[in-house]
N, C-alpha and C. Protein backbone atom coordinates (compact mmCIF):
# COMPACT_ATOMS: atom_id res chain seq x y z
N MET A 1 81.16 -7.03 275.60
CA MET A 1 82.47 -6.40 275.66
C MET A 1 82.63 -5.70 277.00
N LEU A 2 83.70 -5.97 277.71
CA LEU A 2 83.93 -5.44 279.04
C LEU A 2 85.01 -4.38 279.01
N PRO A 3 84.71 -3.14 279.46
CA PRO A 3 85.74 -2.10 279.48
C PRO A 3 86.78 -2.36 280.54
N LEU A 4 88.06 -2.22 280.19
CA LEU A 4 89.16 -2.42 281.13
C LEU A 4 90.10 -1.24 281.04
N GLY A 5 89.66 -0.08 281.52
CA GLY A 5 90.49 1.12 281.44
C GLY A 5 90.67 1.53 280.00
N LYS A 6 91.97 1.47 279.50
CA LYS A 6 92.26 1.86 278.12
C LYS A 6 92.20 0.69 277.16
N CYS A 7 91.79 -0.45 277.65
CA CYS A 7 91.73 -1.59 276.77
C CYS A 7 90.37 -2.25 276.88
N PHE A 8 90.06 -3.12 275.98
CA PHE A 8 88.79 -3.80 275.96
C PHE A 8 89.03 -5.29 275.81
N LEU A 9 88.22 -6.06 276.50
CA LEU A 9 88.28 -7.51 276.37
C LEU A 9 87.21 -7.91 275.39
N THR A 10 87.61 -8.50 274.33
CA THR A 10 86.65 -8.92 273.32
C THR A 10 86.91 -10.36 272.95
N ARG A 11 86.03 -10.90 272.18
CA ARG A 11 86.19 -12.30 271.77
C ARG A 11 86.11 -12.37 270.25
N LEU A 12 86.96 -13.19 269.74
CA LEU A 12 86.92 -13.42 268.31
C LEU A 12 85.81 -14.42 268.00
N ARG A 13 85.58 -14.65 266.73
CA ARG A 13 84.52 -15.57 266.33
C ARG A 13 84.76 -16.99 266.85
N ASN A 14 86.04 -17.31 267.04
CA ASN A 14 86.34 -18.65 267.55
C ASN A 14 86.36 -18.66 269.08
N ASP A 15 85.86 -17.54 269.70
CA ASP A 15 85.71 -17.45 271.15
C ASP A 15 87.01 -17.40 271.92
N PHE A 16 88.14 -17.10 271.27
CA PHE A 16 89.39 -16.92 272.00
C PHE A 16 89.46 -15.47 272.47
N PRO A 17 89.76 -15.22 273.71
CA PRO A 17 89.82 -13.85 274.21
C PRO A 17 91.05 -13.13 273.66
N MET A 18 90.93 -11.82 273.43
CA MET A 18 92.05 -11.02 272.95
C MET A 18 91.92 -9.61 273.49
N LEU A 19 93.01 -9.07 274.01
CA LEU A 19 93.02 -7.71 274.50
C LEU A 19 93.32 -6.76 273.34
N VAL A 20 92.49 -5.78 273.12
CA VAL A 20 92.69 -4.80 272.06
C VAL A 20 92.85 -3.43 272.67
N PHE A 21 94.06 -2.85 272.58
CA PHE A 21 94.34 -1.54 273.15
C PHE A 21 93.96 -0.49 272.10
N THR A 22 92.66 -0.31 271.91
CA THR A 22 92.16 0.51 270.82
C THR A 22 92.67 1.95 270.85
N PRO A 23 92.49 2.70 271.94
CA PRO A 23 92.97 4.09 271.93
C PRO A 23 94.48 4.18 271.76
N LEU A 24 95.21 3.27 272.40
CA LEU A 24 96.67 3.30 272.32
C LEU A 24 97.14 3.01 270.90
N LEU A 25 96.52 2.02 270.25
CA LEU A 25 96.88 1.69 268.88
C LEU A 25 96.58 2.85 267.94
N ASN A 26 95.46 3.51 268.16
CA ASN A 26 95.11 4.65 267.33
C ASN A 26 96.13 5.78 267.46
N GLU A 27 96.56 6.04 268.71
CA GLU A 27 97.53 7.09 268.95
C GLU A 27 98.88 6.74 268.29
N MET A 28 99.26 5.48 268.41
CA MET A 28 100.53 5.05 267.81
C MET A 28 100.46 5.15 266.29
N ALA A 29 99.32 4.76 265.73
CA ALA A 29 99.17 4.80 264.28
C ALA A 29 99.25 6.24 263.77
N LEU A 30 98.61 7.16 264.49
CA LEU A 30 98.64 8.56 264.11
C LEU A 30 100.06 9.12 264.19
N PHE A 31 100.77 8.74 265.26
CA PHE A 31 102.14 9.22 265.45
C PHE A 31 103.06 8.70 264.35
N ILE A 32 102.96 7.40 264.06
CA ILE A 32 103.81 6.80 263.03
C ILE A 32 103.49 7.39 261.67
N GLY A 33 102.18 7.59 261.41
CA GLY A 33 101.77 8.17 260.13
C GLY A 33 102.31 9.57 259.95
N ALA A 34 102.21 10.39 261.01
CA ALA A 34 102.71 11.76 260.95
C ALA A 34 104.22 11.78 260.76
N LEU A 35 104.93 10.88 261.48
CA LEU A 35 106.38 10.81 261.38
C LEU A 35 106.80 10.40 259.97
N LEU A 36 106.10 9.41 259.42
CA LEU A 36 106.40 8.94 258.07
C LEU A 36 106.17 10.03 257.04
N ALA A 37 105.07 10.76 257.20
CA ALA A 37 104.76 11.85 256.27
C ALA A 37 105.84 12.93 256.32
N ALA A 38 106.31 13.23 257.53
CA ALA A 38 107.36 14.25 257.69
C ALA A 38 108.65 13.81 257.01
N VAL A 39 109.00 12.53 257.17
CA VAL A 39 110.23 12.00 256.54
C VAL A 39 110.12 12.06 255.03
N ILE A 40 108.96 11.67 254.49
CA ILE A 40 108.76 11.67 253.04
C ILE A 40 108.88 13.09 252.49
N ILE A 41 108.25 14.05 253.17
CA ILE A 41 108.32 15.44 252.72
C ILE A 41 109.75 15.95 252.76
N LEU A 42 110.49 15.60 253.82
CA LEU A 42 111.87 16.03 253.96
C LEU A 42 112.74 15.46 252.86
N VAL A 43 112.60 14.15 252.62
CA VAL A 43 113.41 13.49 251.59
C VAL A 43 113.02 14.00 250.21
N ALA A 44 111.71 14.17 249.99
CA ALA A 44 111.25 14.62 248.68
C ALA A 44 111.80 16.00 248.37
N GLY A 45 111.94 16.83 249.38
CA GLY A 45 112.46 18.18 249.17
C GLY A 45 113.91 18.19 248.77
N GLU A 46 114.64 17.12 249.08
CA GLU A 46 116.07 17.05 248.76
C GLU A 46 116.34 16.14 247.58
N THR A 47 115.30 15.65 246.93
CA THR A 47 115.46 14.69 245.85
C THR A 47 115.22 15.34 244.50
N ASN A 48 116.11 15.10 243.58
CA ASN A 48 115.95 15.58 242.22
C ASN A 48 115.18 14.51 241.43
N TYR A 49 113.97 14.83 241.03
CA TYR A 49 113.14 13.84 240.36
C TYR A 49 113.45 13.70 238.88
N SER A 50 114.26 14.61 238.33
CA SER A 50 114.61 14.53 236.93
C SER A 50 115.44 13.28 236.66
N THR A 51 115.12 12.60 235.58
CA THR A 51 115.87 11.40 235.22
C THR A 51 116.39 11.51 233.79
N GLN A 52 116.54 12.73 233.28
CA GLN A 52 116.99 12.93 231.91
C GLN A 52 118.22 13.83 231.86
N SER A 53 119.23 13.35 231.20
CA SER A 53 120.44 14.13 230.98
C SER A 53 121.15 13.56 229.76
N ALA A 54 121.33 14.40 228.74
CA ALA A 54 121.99 13.95 227.51
C ALA A 54 122.51 15.15 226.73
N PHE A 55 123.59 14.93 225.99
CA PHE A 55 124.13 16.00 225.16
C PHE A 55 125.01 15.43 224.06
N THR A 56 125.14 16.20 223.00
CA THR A 56 126.15 15.99 221.97
C THR A 56 126.67 17.35 221.56
N ALA A 57 127.99 17.49 221.55
CA ALA A 57 128.60 18.76 221.16
C ALA A 57 129.77 18.47 220.22
N LYS A 58 130.03 19.42 219.33
CA LYS A 58 131.11 19.22 218.37
C LYS A 58 132.06 20.42 218.38
N LEU A 59 133.25 20.18 217.88
CA LEU A 59 134.27 21.21 217.78
C LEU A 59 134.15 21.87 216.41
N THR A 60 134.19 23.20 216.35
CA THR A 60 134.05 23.89 215.07
C THR A 60 135.35 24.52 214.57
N THR A 61 136.43 24.30 215.31
CA THR A 61 137.74 24.80 214.88
C THR A 61 138.79 23.73 215.10
N GLY A 62 139.93 23.90 214.46
CA GLY A 62 141.04 23.01 214.74
C GLY A 62 141.69 23.40 216.07
N LEU A 63 142.57 22.54 216.56
CA LEU A 63 143.21 22.82 217.85
C LEU A 63 144.60 22.22 217.90
N ASN A 64 145.55 23.01 218.32
CA ASN A 64 146.92 22.54 218.50
C ASN A 64 147.24 22.45 219.99
N ALA A 65 147.95 21.42 220.38
CA ALA A 65 148.27 21.19 221.79
C ALA A 65 149.34 22.16 222.28
N ALA A 66 149.28 22.44 223.57
CA ALA A 66 150.35 23.20 224.22
C ALA A 66 151.52 22.25 224.47
N LEU A 67 152.70 22.82 224.64
CA LEU A 67 153.88 21.99 224.84
C LEU A 67 154.02 21.48 226.28
N ASP A 68 153.56 22.29 227.24
CA ASP A 68 153.86 21.98 228.63
C ASP A 68 152.67 21.52 229.47
N LYS A 69 151.45 21.61 228.94
CA LYS A 69 150.29 21.19 229.73
C LYS A 69 149.14 20.77 228.81
N ASN A 70 148.27 19.93 229.34
CA ASN A 70 147.11 19.50 228.58
C ASN A 70 146.19 20.68 228.28
N THR A 71 145.50 20.62 227.16
CA THR A 71 144.57 21.67 226.77
C THR A 71 143.15 21.13 226.76
N ARG A 72 142.29 21.71 227.58
CA ARG A 72 140.91 21.25 227.60
C ARG A 72 140.26 21.52 226.25
N ILE A 73 139.57 20.52 225.73
CA ILE A 73 138.87 20.67 224.45
C ILE A 73 137.47 21.19 224.72
N VAL A 74 137.19 22.37 224.20
CA VAL A 74 135.86 22.97 224.38
C VAL A 74 135.04 22.70 223.13
N PHE A 75 134.18 21.70 223.20
CA PHE A 75 133.29 21.40 222.09
C PHE A 75 132.20 22.47 222.10
N ASP A 76 132.38 23.46 221.23
CA ASP A 76 131.64 24.71 221.37
C ASP A 76 130.26 24.75 220.73
N SER A 77 129.95 23.80 219.87
CA SER A 77 128.65 23.79 219.20
C SER A 77 127.80 22.63 219.73
N VAL A 78 126.73 22.96 220.42
CA VAL A 78 125.87 21.95 221.03
C VAL A 78 124.77 21.54 220.06
N LEU A 79 124.69 20.25 219.77
CA LEU A 79 123.66 19.73 218.88
C LEU A 79 122.43 19.25 219.66
N THR A 80 122.69 18.68 220.84
CA THR A 80 121.60 18.20 221.71
C THR A 80 121.96 18.53 223.14
N SER A 81 120.97 19.02 223.88
CA SER A 81 121.20 19.31 225.29
C SER A 81 119.92 19.06 226.07
N VAL A 82 119.93 18.01 226.87
CA VAL A 82 118.80 17.68 227.74
C VAL A 82 119.30 17.77 229.18
N GLY A 83 118.82 18.74 229.91
CA GLY A 83 119.27 18.93 231.28
C GLY A 83 120.30 20.03 231.46
N ASN A 84 120.89 20.47 230.33
CA ASN A 84 121.88 21.56 230.37
C ASN A 84 123.07 21.27 231.29
N ASP A 85 123.50 20.02 231.33
CA ASP A 85 124.64 19.66 232.19
C ASP A 85 125.98 19.92 231.50
N TYR A 86 125.98 19.98 230.18
CA TYR A 86 127.22 20.28 229.46
C TYR A 86 127.29 21.78 229.17
N ASN A 87 128.45 22.37 229.46
CA ASN A 87 128.65 23.80 229.25
C ASN A 87 129.56 24.02 228.04
N PRO A 88 129.05 24.55 226.93
CA PRO A 88 129.86 24.75 225.73
C PRO A 88 130.86 25.89 225.86
N LYS A 89 130.78 26.64 226.95
CA LYS A 89 131.73 27.74 227.15
C LYS A 89 133.05 27.27 227.75
N ASP A 90 132.98 26.22 228.57
CA ASP A 90 134.22 25.72 229.19
C ASP A 90 134.50 24.24 228.90
N GLY A 91 133.57 23.57 228.19
CA GLY A 91 133.80 22.18 227.80
C GLY A 91 133.59 21.16 228.91
N ARG A 92 132.95 21.58 230.00
CA ARG A 92 132.78 20.67 231.14
C ARG A 92 131.34 20.16 231.27
N PHE A 93 131.23 18.88 231.59
CA PHE A 93 129.94 18.28 231.94
C PHE A 93 129.90 18.16 233.45
N THR A 94 128.93 18.83 234.07
CA THR A 94 128.79 18.78 235.52
C THR A 94 127.53 18.00 235.88
N THR A 95 127.70 16.93 236.60
CA THR A 95 126.61 16.00 236.89
C THR A 95 125.56 16.64 237.81
N SER A 96 124.31 16.59 237.36
CA SER A 96 123.20 17.07 238.20
C SER A 96 122.37 15.92 238.76
N ILE A 97 122.52 14.73 238.16
CA ILE A 97 121.77 13.55 238.60
C ILE A 97 122.75 12.41 238.83
N SER A 98 122.82 11.90 240.03
CA SER A 98 123.71 10.76 240.31
C SER A 98 123.20 9.53 239.56
N GLY A 99 124.13 8.76 239.00
CA GLY A 99 123.73 7.56 238.27
C GLY A 99 124.84 7.03 237.40
N THR A 100 124.48 6.15 236.48
CA THR A 100 125.43 5.55 235.54
C THR A 100 125.29 6.23 234.18
N TYR A 101 126.41 6.70 233.65
CA TYR A 101 126.43 7.46 232.41
C TYR A 101 127.26 6.75 231.34
N VAL A 102 126.96 7.09 230.08
CA VAL A 102 127.75 6.64 228.94
C VAL A 102 128.31 7.88 228.25
N PHE A 103 129.62 7.86 227.98
CA PHE A 103 130.27 8.96 227.27
C PHE A 103 131.01 8.40 226.06
N SER A 104 130.95 9.16 224.96
CA SER A 104 131.65 8.77 223.74
C SER A 104 132.46 9.94 223.22
N LEU A 105 133.67 9.67 222.82
CA LEU A 105 134.59 10.71 222.35
C LEU A 105 135.13 10.32 220.98
N SER A 106 135.05 11.26 220.01
CA SER A 106 135.59 11.04 218.67
C SER A 106 136.52 12.19 218.31
N LEU A 107 137.71 11.86 217.79
CA LEU A 107 138.70 12.88 217.43
C LEU A 107 139.30 12.56 216.06
N MET A 108 139.61 13.62 215.30
CA MET A 108 140.25 13.44 214.00
C MET A 108 141.59 14.15 213.98
N SER A 109 142.59 13.48 213.44
CA SER A 109 143.94 14.05 213.36
C SER A 109 144.07 14.96 212.13
N GLN A 110 145.07 15.82 212.16
CA GLN A 110 145.37 16.65 211.01
C GLN A 110 146.07 15.82 209.94
N TYR A 111 146.06 16.34 208.72
CA TYR A 111 146.72 15.66 207.61
C TYR A 111 148.21 16.00 207.64
N SER A 112 148.96 15.15 208.34
CA SER A 112 150.39 15.43 208.49
C SER A 112 151.10 14.16 208.94
N SER A 113 152.28 13.97 208.45
CA SER A 113 153.04 12.77 208.83
C SER A 113 153.52 12.84 210.27
N SER A 114 153.49 14.05 210.84
CA SER A 114 154.00 14.21 212.20
C SER A 114 152.92 14.59 213.21
N SER A 115 151.65 14.61 212.79
CA SER A 115 150.57 15.05 213.67
C SER A 115 149.72 13.87 214.16
N THR A 116 149.37 13.94 215.43
CA THR A 116 148.54 12.89 216.06
C THR A 116 147.47 13.54 216.93
N ALA A 117 146.27 13.01 216.84
CA ALA A 117 145.20 13.44 217.75
C ALA A 117 145.25 12.53 218.97
N PHE A 118 145.58 13.11 220.10
CA PHE A 118 145.72 12.34 221.32
C PHE A 118 144.97 13.06 222.44
N GLY A 119 143.74 12.62 222.70
CA GLY A 119 142.91 13.25 223.72
C GLY A 119 142.38 12.24 224.70
N CYS A 120 142.13 12.69 225.93
CA CYS A 120 141.66 11.80 226.98
C CYS A 120 140.46 12.39 227.72
N LEU A 121 139.62 11.52 228.22
CA LEU A 121 138.45 11.92 229.00
C LEU A 121 138.78 11.79 230.48
N TYR A 122 138.40 12.80 231.25
CA TYR A 122 138.71 12.85 232.68
C TYR A 122 137.44 12.94 233.52
N LYS A 123 137.47 12.26 234.63
CA LYS A 123 136.42 12.37 235.64
C LYS A 123 137.06 12.97 236.89
N ASN A 124 136.64 14.16 237.26
CA ASN A 124 137.23 14.85 238.41
C ASN A 124 138.75 14.87 238.34
N ASP A 125 139.27 15.21 237.15
CA ASP A 125 140.71 15.35 236.90
C ASP A 125 141.47 14.02 236.88
N VAL A 126 140.75 12.91 236.90
CA VAL A 126 141.40 11.59 236.83
C VAL A 126 141.14 11.00 235.45
N GLU A 127 142.21 10.65 234.76
CA GLU A 127 142.11 10.12 233.40
C GLU A 127 141.35 8.79 233.39
N GLN A 128 140.39 8.67 232.44
CA GLN A 128 139.57 7.46 232.34
C GLN A 128 139.86 6.68 231.06
N ILE A 129 139.70 7.32 229.90
CA ILE A 129 139.98 6.68 228.61
C ILE A 129 140.65 7.70 227.69
N CYS A 130 141.28 7.19 226.62
CA CYS A 130 141.93 8.07 225.65
C CYS A 130 141.61 7.65 224.22
N VAL A 131 141.83 8.60 223.31
CA VAL A 131 141.67 8.37 221.87
C VAL A 131 142.97 8.76 221.18
N TRP A 132 143.42 7.89 220.29
CA TRP A 132 144.67 8.13 219.56
C TRP A 132 144.41 7.97 218.06
N SER A 133 144.70 9.02 217.29
CA SER A 133 144.54 8.97 215.84
C SER A 133 145.79 9.51 215.18
N ASN A 134 146.45 8.70 214.39
CA ASN A 134 147.69 9.11 213.74
C ASN A 134 147.39 9.70 212.37
N GLY A 135 147.89 10.92 212.13
CA GLY A 135 147.61 11.60 210.86
C GLY A 135 148.63 11.33 209.77
N ASN A 136 149.26 10.19 209.78
CA ASN A 136 150.32 9.88 208.81
C ASN A 136 149.73 9.70 207.41
N SER A 137 149.94 10.70 206.56
CA SER A 137 149.53 10.67 205.16
C SER A 137 148.02 10.68 204.95
N ALA A 138 147.25 10.91 205.99
CA ALA A 138 145.78 10.97 205.83
C ALA A 138 145.15 11.46 207.12
N HIS A 139 143.93 11.98 207.00
CA HIS A 139 143.16 12.27 208.21
C HIS A 139 142.70 10.94 208.79
N GLU A 140 142.85 10.80 210.07
CA GLU A 140 142.38 9.57 210.72
C GLU A 140 141.46 9.93 211.88
N MET A 141 140.38 9.19 212.01
CA MET A 141 139.39 9.46 213.05
C MET A 141 139.23 8.23 213.94
N SER A 142 139.27 8.46 215.25
CA SER A 142 139.12 7.37 216.20
C SER A 142 138.12 7.74 217.29
N SER A 143 137.53 6.72 217.90
CA SER A 143 136.53 6.95 218.95
C SER A 143 136.76 6.01 220.11
N ASN A 144 136.19 6.37 221.24
CA ASN A 144 136.23 5.52 222.43
C ASN A 144 134.99 5.80 223.26
N THR A 145 134.54 4.80 223.99
CA THR A 145 133.30 4.92 224.78
C THR A 145 133.52 4.35 226.17
N ILE A 146 132.88 4.96 227.15
CA ILE A 146 133.02 4.50 228.54
C ILE A 146 131.67 4.58 229.25
N THR A 147 131.46 3.64 230.15
CA THR A 147 130.33 3.68 231.08
C THR A 147 130.89 3.96 232.46
N VAL A 148 130.36 4.97 233.13
CA VAL A 148 130.95 5.40 234.39
C VAL A 148 129.87 5.84 235.38
N LYS A 149 130.08 5.54 236.65
CA LYS A 149 129.17 5.99 237.69
C LYS A 149 129.57 7.38 238.16
N LEU A 150 128.59 8.26 238.27
CA LEU A 150 128.85 9.63 238.68
C LEU A 150 127.93 10.04 239.83
N LYS A 151 128.47 10.87 240.69
CA LYS A 151 127.69 11.48 241.76
C LYS A 151 127.38 12.93 241.38
N LYS A 152 126.33 13.47 241.95
CA LYS A 152 125.98 14.85 241.69
C LYS A 152 127.18 15.75 242.00
N GLY A 153 127.52 16.60 241.05
CA GLY A 153 128.67 17.50 241.22
C GLY A 153 129.93 17.01 240.56
N ASP A 154 130.01 15.73 240.17
CA ASP A 154 131.19 15.23 239.46
C ASP A 154 131.34 15.94 238.12
N VAL A 155 132.59 16.12 237.69
CA VAL A 155 132.87 16.83 236.44
C VAL A 155 133.57 15.90 235.46
N VAL A 156 133.07 15.89 234.22
CA VAL A 156 133.68 15.11 233.14
C VAL A 156 134.09 16.08 232.04
N GLU A 157 135.32 15.93 231.56
CA GLU A 157 135.83 16.81 230.51
C GLU A 157 136.85 16.06 229.66
N VAL A 158 137.21 16.66 228.54
CA VAL A 158 138.15 16.05 227.60
C VAL A 158 139.31 17.02 227.38
N ALA A 159 140.52 16.48 227.31
CA ALA A 159 141.70 17.33 227.10
C ALA A 159 142.60 16.75 226.02
N LEU A 160 143.20 17.66 225.24
CA LEU A 160 144.21 17.29 224.27
C LEU A 160 145.54 17.22 225.02
N LYS A 161 146.22 16.10 224.88
CA LYS A 161 147.47 15.90 225.61
C LYS A 161 148.55 16.91 225.18
N ALA A 162 149.39 17.25 226.13
CA ALA A 162 150.50 18.17 225.85
C ALA A 162 151.52 17.48 224.95
N GLY A 163 152.02 18.20 223.99
CA GLY A 163 153.05 17.63 223.10
C GLY A 163 153.17 18.41 221.81
N ARG A 164 154.35 18.39 221.22
CA ARG A 164 154.62 19.18 220.03
C ARG A 164 153.79 18.74 218.83
N ASN A 165 153.50 17.46 218.71
CA ASN A 165 152.86 16.94 217.50
C ASN A 165 151.38 16.57 217.67
N TYR A 166 150.77 16.98 218.76
CA TYR A 166 149.37 16.64 218.99
C TYR A 166 148.46 17.78 218.52
N ALA A 167 147.46 17.43 217.71
CA ALA A 167 146.56 18.44 217.17
C ALA A 167 145.26 17.78 216.68
N LEU A 168 144.22 18.61 216.55
CA LEU A 168 142.92 18.14 216.08
C LEU A 168 142.54 18.86 214.79
N HIS A 169 141.89 18.13 213.90
CA HIS A 169 141.43 18.71 212.64
C HIS A 169 139.92 18.91 212.67
N ASN A 170 139.48 20.00 212.04
CA ASN A 170 138.05 20.19 211.83
C ASN A 170 137.87 21.09 210.62
N TYR A 171 136.70 20.96 210.00
CA TYR A 171 136.39 21.81 208.86
C TYR A 171 134.94 22.28 209.00
N GLY A 172 134.77 23.57 209.23
CA GLY A 172 133.43 24.15 209.32
C GLY A 172 132.57 23.46 210.38
N GLN A 173 131.37 23.08 209.95
CA GLN A 173 130.41 22.44 210.86
C GLN A 173 130.40 20.91 210.72
N ALA A 174 131.47 20.36 210.15
CA ALA A 174 131.50 18.92 209.89
C ALA A 174 131.41 18.08 211.16
N GLY A 175 131.97 18.59 212.24
CA GLY A 175 131.88 17.86 213.50
C GLY A 175 132.73 16.60 213.55
N TYR A 176 133.93 16.67 212.98
CA TYR A 176 134.81 15.50 213.02
C TYR A 176 135.25 15.16 214.44
N CYS A 177 135.28 16.16 215.29
CA CYS A 177 135.61 15.94 216.70
C CYS A 177 134.34 16.21 217.52
N SER A 178 133.90 15.22 218.26
CA SER A 178 132.63 15.37 218.99
C SER A 178 132.69 14.68 220.35
N PHE A 179 131.78 15.09 221.20
CA PHE A 179 131.71 14.60 222.58
C PHE A 179 130.24 14.38 222.91
N THR A 180 129.90 13.16 223.33
CA THR A 180 128.51 12.80 223.63
C THR A 180 128.42 12.13 224.99
N GLY A 181 127.35 12.42 225.70
CA GLY A 181 127.13 11.75 226.98
C GLY A 181 125.64 11.68 227.29
N PHE A 182 125.25 10.64 228.02
CA PHE A 182 123.85 10.54 228.43
C PHE A 182 123.72 9.67 229.68
N LEU A 183 122.66 9.92 230.43
CA LEU A 183 122.36 9.15 231.63
C LEU A 183 121.74 7.83 231.23
N LEU A 184 122.40 6.73 231.59
CA LEU A 184 121.88 5.40 231.28
C LEU A 184 120.75 5.05 232.23
N TYR A 185 120.99 5.19 233.52
CA TYR A 185 119.92 5.08 234.51
C TYR A 185 120.35 5.79 235.79
N PRO A 186 119.40 6.44 236.47
CA PRO A 186 119.73 7.22 237.67
C PRO A 186 119.94 6.33 238.87
N GLU A 187 120.68 6.87 239.83
CA GLU A 187 120.85 6.18 241.10
C GLU A 187 119.54 6.21 241.86
N GLU A 188 119.26 5.14 242.59
CA GLU A 188 118.02 5.08 243.37
C GLU A 188 118.02 6.18 244.42
N SER A 189 116.94 6.96 244.45
CA SER A 189 116.86 8.09 245.38
C SER A 189 116.53 7.62 246.79
N LEU A 190 116.75 8.50 247.76
CA LEU A 190 116.41 8.18 249.15
C LEU A 190 114.92 7.93 249.30
N LEU A 191 114.13 8.69 248.57
CA LEU A 191 112.68 8.52 248.64
C LEU A 191 112.28 7.15 248.10
N GLU A 192 112.89 6.74 246.99
CA GLU A 192 112.59 5.43 246.42
C GLU A 192 112.99 4.31 247.38
N LYS A 193 114.15 4.47 248.02
CA LYS A 193 114.58 3.47 249.00
C LYS A 193 113.61 3.39 250.16
N LEU A 194 113.14 4.56 250.63
CA LEU A 194 112.21 4.61 251.75
C LEU A 194 110.89 3.94 251.38
N LEU A 195 110.38 4.24 250.18
CA LEU A 195 109.13 3.65 249.75
C LEU A 195 109.25 2.14 249.57
N LYS A 196 110.40 1.68 249.09
CA LYS A 196 110.61 0.24 248.95
C LYS A 196 110.64 -0.45 250.32
N THR A 197 111.28 0.22 251.29
CA THR A 197 111.34 -0.32 252.65
C THR A 197 109.95 -0.41 253.24
N ILE A 198 109.14 0.62 253.05
CA ILE A 198 107.77 0.63 253.55
C ILE A 198 106.97 -0.50 252.91
N ASP A 199 107.15 -0.67 251.59
CA ASP A 199 106.42 -1.71 250.88
C ASP A 199 106.81 -3.08 251.38
N THR A 200 108.12 -3.28 251.64
CA THR A 200 108.59 -4.56 252.15
C THR A 200 108.02 -4.87 253.53
N LEU A 201 108.01 -3.85 254.39
CA LEU A 201 107.52 -4.04 255.75
C LEU A 201 106.01 -4.27 255.79
N SER A 202 105.32 -3.75 254.80
CA SER A 202 103.86 -3.89 254.79
C SER A 202 103.40 -5.25 254.29
N LYS A 203 104.31 -6.02 253.73
CA LYS A 203 103.93 -7.34 253.20
C LYS A 203 103.96 -8.41 254.27
């Protein structure tokens, strides 16, 4: 082996000469490794590793609609809460984990020929789906379900539509009106994307 400054001339087993910049390669490897470690630590610090979010809440009182504006439905009794993203004090679900969610809404109308349960689910104040139950001569219960993509900080809530004849029925803890949501799968994190890129490049 012949020294050539910062490089060495060596021969492979098949006797083909090859220049190996050993010190330079070592320095580059250390630099890249340190840089990669710093990026991973930075991304990891900004990544929420939790992948669980679910709730079911029910209404424990009846509710009559306002005439001039929608009324947010506050499902005040929480049966299940994983992640504490649903607030039973204001009826809002605030997303803590970006991803794809499933929400289900069930409403029951009052027993009246002129009463209807008409409520809608909103994402950031934009109407997504609605439930309509007509109380003509009987209590009627209807449900609706949606799959929706949410970003961290997005708000999902349910409101009873404004109108003279819109109302909800409930009796005690029966839970005829309920609101359920859960995280179907989380959005891929920056760290996961970085690790996948590293894995791809290493192959």
